[in-house]
Amino acid sequence: MTLHSDPRRLTLAGTALRPAPAGDVRLAPALPRSALEAAPLHDARVLTKGGVQARIALDGQVYALRITRAGKLILTK
């Protein structure tokens, strides 16, 4: 990815990326329904054992998964 002085102009492999229209909150293309159903489903409350935080390890790195007061999830390194 090439970053330019204009943050609205990003390129990825020669393809220009444009900012999403206002109100568009999609972060990534939707997965096909079959892929979603095949992915493991984990309940955050089970991962936190009824608390508000769990540690998750991936390739030697430890991440913190936290449930906010508003019921949202935050994953941090």
PDB file of N, CA and C in Angstrom:
ATOM      1  N   MET A   1       0.859  -1.163   0.000  1.00  0.00           N
ATOM      2  CA  MET A   1       0.000   0.000   0.000  1.00  0.00           C
ATOM      3  C   MET A   1       0.901   1.219   0.000  1.00  0.00           C
ATOM      4  N   THR A   2       0.556   2.163  -0.815  1.00  0.00           N
ATOM      5  CA  THR A   2       1.304   3.402  -0.902  1.00  0.00           C
ATOM      6  C   THR A   2       0.498   4.508  -0.253  1.00  0.00           C
ATOM      7  N   LEU A   3       1.081   5.171   0.716  1.00  0.00           N
ATOM      8  CA  LEU A   3       0.402   6.291   1.360  1.00  0.00           C
ATOM      9  C   LEU A   3       0.876   7.587   0.730  1.00  0.00           C
ATOM     10  N   HIS A   4      -0.040   8.444   0.395  1.00  0.00           N
ATOM     11  CA  HIS A   4       0.274   9.742  -0.184  1.00  0.00           C
ATOM     12  C   HIS A   4       0.016  10.813   0.863  1.00  0.00           C
ATOM     13  N   SER A   5       0.437  12.046   0.565  1.00  0.00           N
ATOM     14  CA  SER A   5       0.202  13.133   1.515  1.00  0.00           C
ATOM     15  C   SER A   5      -1.289  13.400   1.691  1.00  0.00           C
ATOM     16  N   ASP A   6      -2.080  13.056   0.707  1.00  0.00           N
ATOM     17  CA  ASP A   6      -3.534  13.209   0.800  1.00  0.00           C
ATOM     18  C   ASP A   6      -4.102  11.906   1.355  1.00  0.00           C
ATOM     19  N   PRO A   7      -4.591  11.882   2.624  1.00  0.00           N
ATOM     20  CA  PRO A   7      -5.060  10.633   3.230  1.00  0.00           C
ATOM     21  C   PRO A   7      -6.268  10.038   2.528  1.00  0.00           C
ATOM     22  N   ARG A   8      -6.924  10.813   1.666  1.00  0.00           N
ATOM     23  CA  ARG A   8      -8.075  10.272   0.936  1.00  0.00           C
ATOM     24  C   ARG A   8      -7.638   9.482  -0.285  1.00  0.00           C
ATOM     25  N   ARG A   9      -6.340   9.488  -0.592  1.00  0.00           N
ATOM     26  CA  ARG A   9      -5.855   8.810  -1.791  1.00  0.00           C
ATOM     27  C   ARG A   9      -4.898   7.699  -1.389  1.00  0.00           C
ATOM     28  N   LEU A  10      -5.424   6.513  -1.222  1.00  0.00           N
ATOM     29  CA  LEU A  10      -4.622   5.340  -0.915  1.00  0.00           C
ATOM     30  C   LEU A  10      -4.619   4.433  -2.132  1.00  0.00           C
ATOM     31  N   THR A  11      -3.497   3.767  -2.374  1.00  0.00           N
ATOM     32  CA  THR A  11      -3.475   2.803  -3.462  1.00  0.00           C
ATOM     33  C   THR A  11      -3.029   1.461  -2.927  1.00  0.00           C
ATOM     34  N   LEU A  12      -3.564   0.421  -3.490  1.00  0.00           N
ATOM     35  CA  LEU A  12      -3.225  -0.942  -3.105  1.00  0.00           C
ATOM     36  C   LEU A  12      -3.037  -1.713  -4.394  1.00  0.00           C
ATOM     37  N   ALA A  13      -1.821  -2.145  -4.656  1.00  0.00           N
ATOM     38  CA  ALA A  13      -1.498  -2.873  -5.882  1.00  0.00           C
ATOM     39  C   ALA A  13      -1.995  -2.112  -7.110  1.00  0.00           C
ATOM     40  N   GLY A  14      -1.812  -0.802  -7.101  1.00  0.00           N
ATOM     41  CA  GLY A  14      -2.194   0.010  -8.236  1.00  0.00           C
ATOM     42  C   GLY A  14      -3.670   0.356  -8.323  1.00  0.00           C
ATOM     43  N   THR A  15      -4.460  -0.077  -7.365  1.00  0.00           N
ATOM     44  CA  THR A  15      -5.892   0.206  -7.372  1.00  0.00           C
ATOM     45  C   THR A  15      -6.185   1.322  -6.388  1.00  0.00           C
ATOM     46  N   ALA A  16      -6.825   2.356  -6.853  1.00  0.00           N
ATOM     47  CA  ALA A  16      -7.165   3.470  -5.963  1.00  0.00           C
ATOM     48  C   ALA A  16      -8.293   3.055  -5.032  1.00  0.00           C
ATOM     49  N   LEU A  17      -8.149   3.378  -3.768  1.00  0.00           N
ATOM     50  CA  LEU A  17      -9.188   3.125  -2.775  1.00  0.00           C
ATOM     51  C   LEU A  17      -9.822   4.456  -2.424  1.00  0.00           C
ATOM     52  N   ARG A  18     -11.128   4.482  -2.378  1.00  0.00           N
ATOM     53  CA  ARG A  18     -11.831   5.719  -2.075  1.00  0.00           C
ATOM     54  C   ARG A  18     -12.519   5.609  -0.728  1.00  0.00           C
ATOM     55  N   PRO A  19     -12.668   6.716  -0.009  1.00  0.00           N
ATOM     56  CA  PRO A  19     -13.383   6.678   1.270  1.00  0.00           C
ATOM     57  C   PRO A  19     -14.815   6.196   1.063  1.00  0.00           C
ATOM     58  N   ALA A  20     -15.329   5.493   2.041  1.00  0.00           N
ATOM     59  CA  ALA A  20     -16.717   5.024   1.975  1.00  0.00           C
ATOM     60  C   ALA A  20     -17.650   6.218   2.103  1.00  0.00           C
ATOM     61  N   PRO A  21     -18.819   6.135   1.482  1.00  0.00           N
ATOM     62  CA  PRO A  21     -19.795   7.217   1.626  1.00  0.00           C
ATOM     63  C   PRO A  21     -20.183   7.399   3.089  1.00  0.00           C
ATOM     64  N   ALA A  22     -20.594   8.586   3.450  1.00  0.00           N
ATOM     65  CA  ALA A  22     -21.019   8.864   4.823  1.00  0.00           C
ATOM     66  C   ALA A  22     -22.124   7.899   5.223  1.00  0.00           C
ATOM     67  N   GLY A  23     -22.009   7.356   6.414  1.00  0.00           N
ATOM     68  CA  GLY A  23     -23.013   6.429   6.915  1.00  0.00           C
ATOM     69  C   GLY A  23     -22.721   4.980   6.582  1.00  0.00           C
ATOM     70  N   ASP A  24     -21.735   4.711   5.727  1.00  0.00           N
ATOM     71  CA  ASP A  24     -21.391   3.331   5.369  1.00  0.00           C
ATOM     72  C   ASP A  24     -20.456   2.793   6.438  1.00  0.00           C
ATOM     73  N   VAL A  25     -20.917   1.848   7.232  1.00  0.00           N
ATOM     74  CA  VAL A  25     -20.124   1.350   8.353  1.00  0.00           C
ATOM     75  C   VAL A  25     -19.535  -0.029   8.083  1.00  0.00           C
ATOM     76  N   ARG A  26     -19.589  -0.496   6.851  1.00  0.00           N
ATOM     77  CA  ARG A  26     -19.004  -1.799   6.537  1.00  0.00           C
ATOM     78  C   ARG A  26     -17.491  -1.726   6.672  1.00  0.00           C
ATOM     79  N   LEU A  27     -16.906  -2.737   7.303  1.00  0.00           N
ATOM     80  CA  LEU A  27     -15.458  -2.773   7.472  1.00  0.00           C
ATOM     81  C   LEU A  27     -14.803  -3.693   6.459  1.00  0.00           C
ATOM     82  N   ALA A  28     -15.515  -4.693   5.990  1.00  0.00           N
ATOM     83  CA  ALA A  28     -14.977  -5.651   5.037  1.00  0.00           C
ATOM     84  C   ALA A  28     -16.139  -6.246   4.259  1.00  0.00           C
ATOM     85  N   PRO A  29     -15.834  -6.816   3.096  1.00  0.00           N
ATOM     86  CA  PRO A  29     -16.913  -7.472   2.357  1.00  0.00           C
ATOM     87  C   PRO A  29     -17.524  -8.586   3.193  1.00  0.00           C
ATOM     88  N   ALA A  30     -18.804  -8.784   3.047  1.00  0.00           N
ATOM     89  CA  ALA A  30     -19.491  -9.838   3.796  1.00  0.00           C
ATOM     90  C   ALA A  30     -19.025 -11.200   3.316  1.00  0.00           C
ATOM     91  N   LEU A  31     -18.866 -12.124   4.257  1.00  0.00           N
ATOM     92  CA  LEU A  31     -18.504 -13.488   3.905  1.00  0.00           C
ATOM     93  C   LEU A  31     -19.733 -14.220   3.405  1.00  0.00           C
ATOM     94  N   PRO A  32     -19.535 -15.178   2.493  1.00  0.00           N
ATOM     95  CA  PRO A  32     -20.678 -15.990   2.077  1.00  0.00           C
ATOM     96  C   PRO A  32     -21.293 -16.691   3.284  1.00  0.00           C
ATOM     97  N   ARG A  33     -22.584 -16.891   3.258  1.00  0.00           N
ATOM     98  CA  ARG A  33     -23.296 -17.496   4.385  1.00  0.00           C
ATOM     99  C   ARG A  33     -22.673 -18.828   4.789  1.00  0.00           C
ATOM    100  N   SER A  34     -22.261 -19.653   3.824  1.00  0.00           N
ATOM    101  CA  SER A  34     -21.675 -20.954   4.153  1.00  0.00           C
ATOM    102  C   SER A  34     -20.370 -20.788   4.929  1.00  0.00           C
ATOM    103  N   ALA A  35     -19.580 -19.760   4.609  1.00  0.00           N
ATOM    104  CA  ALA A  35     -18.330 -19.515   5.332  1.00  0.00           C
ATOM    105  C   ALA A  35     -18.621 -19.079   6.759  1.00  0.00           C
ATOM    106  N   LEU A  36     -19.655 -18.260   6.939  1.00  0.00           N
ATOM    107  CA  LEU A  36     -20.023 -17.820   8.286  1.00  0.00           C
ATOM    108  C   LEU A  36     -20.496 -18.989   9.134  1.00  0.00           C
ATOM    109  N   GLU A  37     -21.282 -19.871   8.547  1.00  0.00           N
ATOM    110  CA  GLU A  37     -21.794 -21.017   9.289  1.00  0.00           C
ATOM    111  C   GLU A  37     -20.686 -22.007   9.619  1.00  0.00           C
ATOM    112  N   ALA A  38     -19.640 -22.079   8.782  1.00  0.00           N
ATOM    113  CA  ALA A  38     -18.547 -23.019   9.011  1.00  0.00           C
ATOM    114  C   ALA A  38     -17.550 -22.493  10.043  1.00  0.00           C
ATOM    115  N   ALA A  39     -17.520 -21.186  10.257  1.00  0.00           N
ATOM    116  CA  ALA A  39     -16.574 -20.598  11.210  1.00  0.00           C
ATOM    117  C   ALA A  39     -16.992 -20.943  12.633  1.00  0.00           C
ATOM    118  N   PRO A  40     -16.016 -21.227  13.511  1.00  0.00           N
ATOM    119  CA  PRO A  40     -16.363 -21.514  14.909  1.00  0.00           C
ATOM    120  C   PRO A  40     -17.047 -20.312  15.554  1.00  0.00           C
ATOM    121  N   LEU A  41     -18.011 -20.582  16.413  1.00  0.00           N
ATOM    122  CA  LEU A  41     -18.723 -19.529  17.134  1.00  0.00           C
ATOM    123  C   LEU A  41     -18.397 -19.660  18.614  1.00  0.00           C
ATOM    124  N   HIS A  42     -17.888 -18.591  19.213  1.00  0.00           N
ATOM    125  CA  HIS A  42     -17.525 -18.584  20.630  1.00  0.00           C
ATOM    126  C   HIS A  42     -18.295 -17.474  21.326  1.00  0.00           C
ATOM    127  N   ASP A  43     -18.890 -17.771  22.442  1.00  0.00           N
ATOM    128  CA  ASP A  43     -19.613 -16.779  23.229  1.00  0.00           C
ATOM    129  C   ASP A  43     -18.599 -15.999  24.063  1.00  0.00           C
ATOM    130  N   ALA A  44     -18.581 -14.686  23.920  1.00  0.00           N
ATOM    131  CA  ALA A  44     -17.624 -13.852  24.643  1.00  0.00           C
ATOM    132  C   ALA A  44     -17.777 -13.999  26.152  1.00  0.00           C
ATOM    133  N   ARG A  45     -18.984 -14.204  26.633  1.00  0.00           N
ATOM    134  CA  ARG A  45     -19.196 -14.362  28.082  1.00  0.00           C
ATOM    135  C   ARG A  45     -18.579 -15.663  28.582  1.00  0.00           C
ATOM    136  N   VAL A  46     -18.551 -16.688  27.730  1.00  0.00           N
ATOM    137  CA  VAL A  46     -17.893 -17.948  28.106  1.00  0.00           C
ATOM    138  C   VAL A  46     -16.378 -17.746  28.106  1.00  0.00           C
ATOM    139  N   LEU A  47     -15.863 -17.036  27.091  1.00  0.00           N
ATOM    140  CA  LEU A  47     -14.420 -16.776  27.030  1.00  0.00           C
ATOM    141  C   LEU A  47     -13.938 -15.987  28.244  1.00  0.00           C
ATOM    142  N   THR A  48     -14.760 -15.077  28.740  1.00  0.00           N
ATOM    143  CA  THR A  48     -14.372 -14.262  29.894  1.00  0.00           C
ATOM    144  C   THR A  48     -14.787 -14.902  31.218  1.00  0.00           C
ATOM    145  N   LYS A  49     -15.358 -16.100  31.136  1.00  0.00           N
ATOM    146  CA  LYS A  49     -15.824 -16.833  32.323  1.00  0.00           C
ATOM    147  C   LYS A  49     -16.725 -15.961  33.193  1.00  0.00           C
ATOM    148  N   GLY A  50     -17.630 -15.235  32.544  1.00  0.00           N
ATOM    149  CA  GLY A  50     -18.578 -14.395  33.265  1.00  0.00           C
ATOM    150  C   GLY A  50     -18.023 -13.040  33.662  1.00  0.00           C
ATOM    151  N   GLY A  51     -16.751 -12.808  33.419  1.00  0.00           N
ATOM    152  CA  GLY A  51     -16.142 -11.514  33.736  1.00  0.00           C
ATOM    153  C   GLY A  51     -16.233 -10.580  32.547  1.00  0.00           C
ATOM    154  N   VAL A  52     -15.287  -9.666  32.473  1.00  0.00           N
ATOM    155  CA  VAL A  52     -15.302  -8.703  31.373  1.00  0.00           C
ATOM    156  C   VAL A  52     -14.040  -8.746  30.520  1.00  0.00           C
ATOM    157  N   GLN A  53     -13.083  -9.630  30.856  1.00  0.00           N
ATOM    158  CA  GLN A  53     -11.840  -9.659  30.098  1.00  0.00           C
ATOM    159  C   GLN A  53     -11.327 -11.079  29.946  1.00  0.00           C
ATOM    160  N   ALA A  54     -10.749 -11.350  28.766  1.00  0.00           N
ATOM    161  CA  ALA A  54     -10.103 -12.632  28.498  1.00  0.00           C
ATOM    162  C   ALA A  54      -8.804 -12.346  27.761  1.00  0.00           C
ATOM    163  N   ARG A  55      -7.829 -13.220  27.933  1.00  0.00           N
ATOM    164  CA  ARG A  55      -6.582 -13.109  27.183  1.00  0.00           C
ATOM    165  C   ARG A  55      -6.621 -14.152  26.074  1.00  0.00           C
ATOM    166  N   ILE A  56      -6.199 -13.746  24.881  1.00  0.00           N
ATOM    167  CA  ILE A  56      -6.197 -14.626  23.717  1.00  0.00           C
ATOM    168  C   ILE A  56      -4.790 -14.623  23.141  1.00  0.00           C
ATOM    169  N   ALA A  57      -4.230 -15.812  22.914  1.00  0.00           N
ATOM    170  CA  ALA A  57      -2.875 -15.932  22.375  1.00  0.00           C
ATOM    171  C   ALA A  57      -2.929 -16.333  20.907  1.00  0.00           C
ATOM    172  N   LEU A  58      -2.042 -15.728  20.113  1.00  0.00           N
ATOM    173  CA  LEU A  58      -1.901 -16.062  18.703  1.00  0.00           C
ATOM    174  C   LEU A  58      -0.439 -15.906  18.317  1.00  0.00           C
ATOM    175  N   ASP A  59       0.179 -16.996  17.918  1.00  0.00           N
ATOM    176  CA  ASP A  59       1.576 -16.978  17.462  1.00  0.00           C
ATOM    177  C   ASP A  59       2.509 -16.278  18.448  1.00  0.00           C
ATOM    178  N   GLY A  60       2.360 -16.570  19.724  1.00  0.00           N
ATOM    179  CA  GLY A  60       3.241 -16.004  20.737  1.00  0.00           C
ATOM    180  C   GLY A  60       2.858 -14.611  21.205  1.00  0.00           C
ATOM    181  N   GLN A  61       1.862 -14.002  20.596  1.00  0.00           N
ATOM    182  CA  GLN A  61       1.395 -12.684  21.008  1.00  0.00           C
ATOM    183  C   GLN A  61       0.147 -12.854  21.862  1.00  0.00           C
ATOM    184  N   VAL A  62       0.011 -12.041  22.900  1.00  0.00           N
ATOM    185  CA  VAL A  62      -1.156 -12.115  23.777  1.00  0.00           C
ATOM    186  C   VAL A  62      -2.003 -10.867  23.572  1.00  0.00           C
ATOM    187  N   TYR A  63      -3.283 -11.070  23.369  1.00  0.00           N
ATOM    188  CA  TYR A  63      -4.242  -9.996  23.149  1.00  0.00           C
ATOM    189  C   TYR A  63      -5.250  -9.985  24.287  1.00  0.00           C
ATOM    190  N   ALA A  64      -5.841  -8.837  24.541  1.00  0.00           N
ATOM    191  CA  ALA A  64      -6.877  -8.725  25.567  1.00  0.00           C
ATOM    192  C   ALA A  64      -8.216  -8.480  24.884  1.00  0.00           C
ATOM    193  N   LEU A  65      -9.190  -9.299  25.221  1.00  0.00           N
ATOM    194  CA  LEU A  65     -10.557  -9.125  24.752  1.00  0.00           C
ATOM    195  C   LEU A  65     -11.354  -8.590  25.923  1.00  0.00           C
ATOM    196  N   ARG A  66     -12.003  -7.446  25.733  1.00  0.00           N
ATOM    197  CA  ARG A  66     -12.732  -6.824  26.835  1.00  0.00           C
ATOM    198  C   ARG A  66     -14.162  -6.528  26.424  1.00  0.00           C
ATOM    199  N   ILE A  67     -15.097  -6.780  27.335  1.00  0.00           N
ATOM    200  CA  ILE A  67     -16.497  -6.426  27.127  1.00  0.00           C
ATOM    201  C   ILE A  67     -16.722  -5.088  27.829  1.00  0.00           C
ATOM    202  N   THR A  68     -17.174  -4.092  27.090  1.00  0.00           N
ATOM    203  CA  THR A  68     -17.399  -2.764  27.669  1.00  0.00           C
ATOM    204  C   THR A  68     -18.726  -2.721  28.419  1.00  0.00           C
ATOM    205  N   ARG A  69     -18.929  -1.646  29.159  1.00  0.00           N
ATOM    206  CA  ARG A  69     -20.206  -1.458  29.868  1.00  0.00           C
ATOM    207  C   ARG A  69     -21.378  -1.396  28.900  1.00  0.00           C
ATOM    208  N   ALA A  70     -21.100  -0.945  27.681  1.00  0.00           N
ATOM    209  CA  ALA A  70     -22.149  -0.835  26.662  1.00  0.00           C
ATOM    210  C   ALA A  70     -22.395  -2.167  25.952  1.00  0.00           C
ATOM    211  N   GLY A  71     -21.647  -3.214  26.347  1.00  0.00           N
ATOM    212  CA  GLY A  71     -21.841  -4.524  25.737  1.00  0.00           C
ATOM    213  C   GLY A  71     -21.126  -4.713  24.415  1.00  0.00           C
ATOM    214  N   LYS A  72     -20.129  -3.892  24.136  1.00  0.00           N
ATOM    215  CA  LYS A  72     -19.334  -4.006  22.914  1.00  0.00           C
ATOM    216  C   LYS A  72     -18.041  -4.741  23.235  1.00  0.00           C
ATOM    217  N   LEU A  73     -17.401  -5.284  22.198  1.00  0.00           N
ATOM    218  CA  LEU A  73     -16.133  -5.984  22.379  1.00  0.00           C
ATOM    219  C   LEU A  73     -14.983  -5.124  21.884  1.00  0.00           C
ATOM    220  N   ILE A  74     -13.875  -5.143  22.634  1.00  0.00           N
ATOM    221  CA  ILE A  74     -12.655  -4.456  22.237  1.00  0.00           C
ATOM    222  C   ILE A  74     -11.529  -5.474  22.325  1.00  0.00           C
ATOM    223  N   LEU A  75     -10.754  -5.618  21.238  1.00  0.00           N
ATOM    224  CA  LEU A  75      -9.599  -6.508  21.211  1.00  0.00           C
ATOM    225  C   LEU A  75      -8.362  -5.644  21.073  1.00  0.00           C
ATOM    226  N   THR A  76      -7.437  -5.751  22.042  1.00  0.00           N
ATOM    227  CA  THR A  76      -6.213  -4.950  22.005  1.00  0.00           C
ATOM    228  C   THR A  76      -5.009  -5.851  22.180  1.00  0.00           C
ATOM    229  N   LYS A  77      -3.878  -5.371  21.716  1.00  0.00           N
ATOM    230  CA  LYS A  77      -2.625  -6.114  21.823  1.00  0.00           C
ATOM    231  C   LYS A  77      -1.950  -5.777  23.116  1.00  0.00           C
TER     232      LYS A  77
END
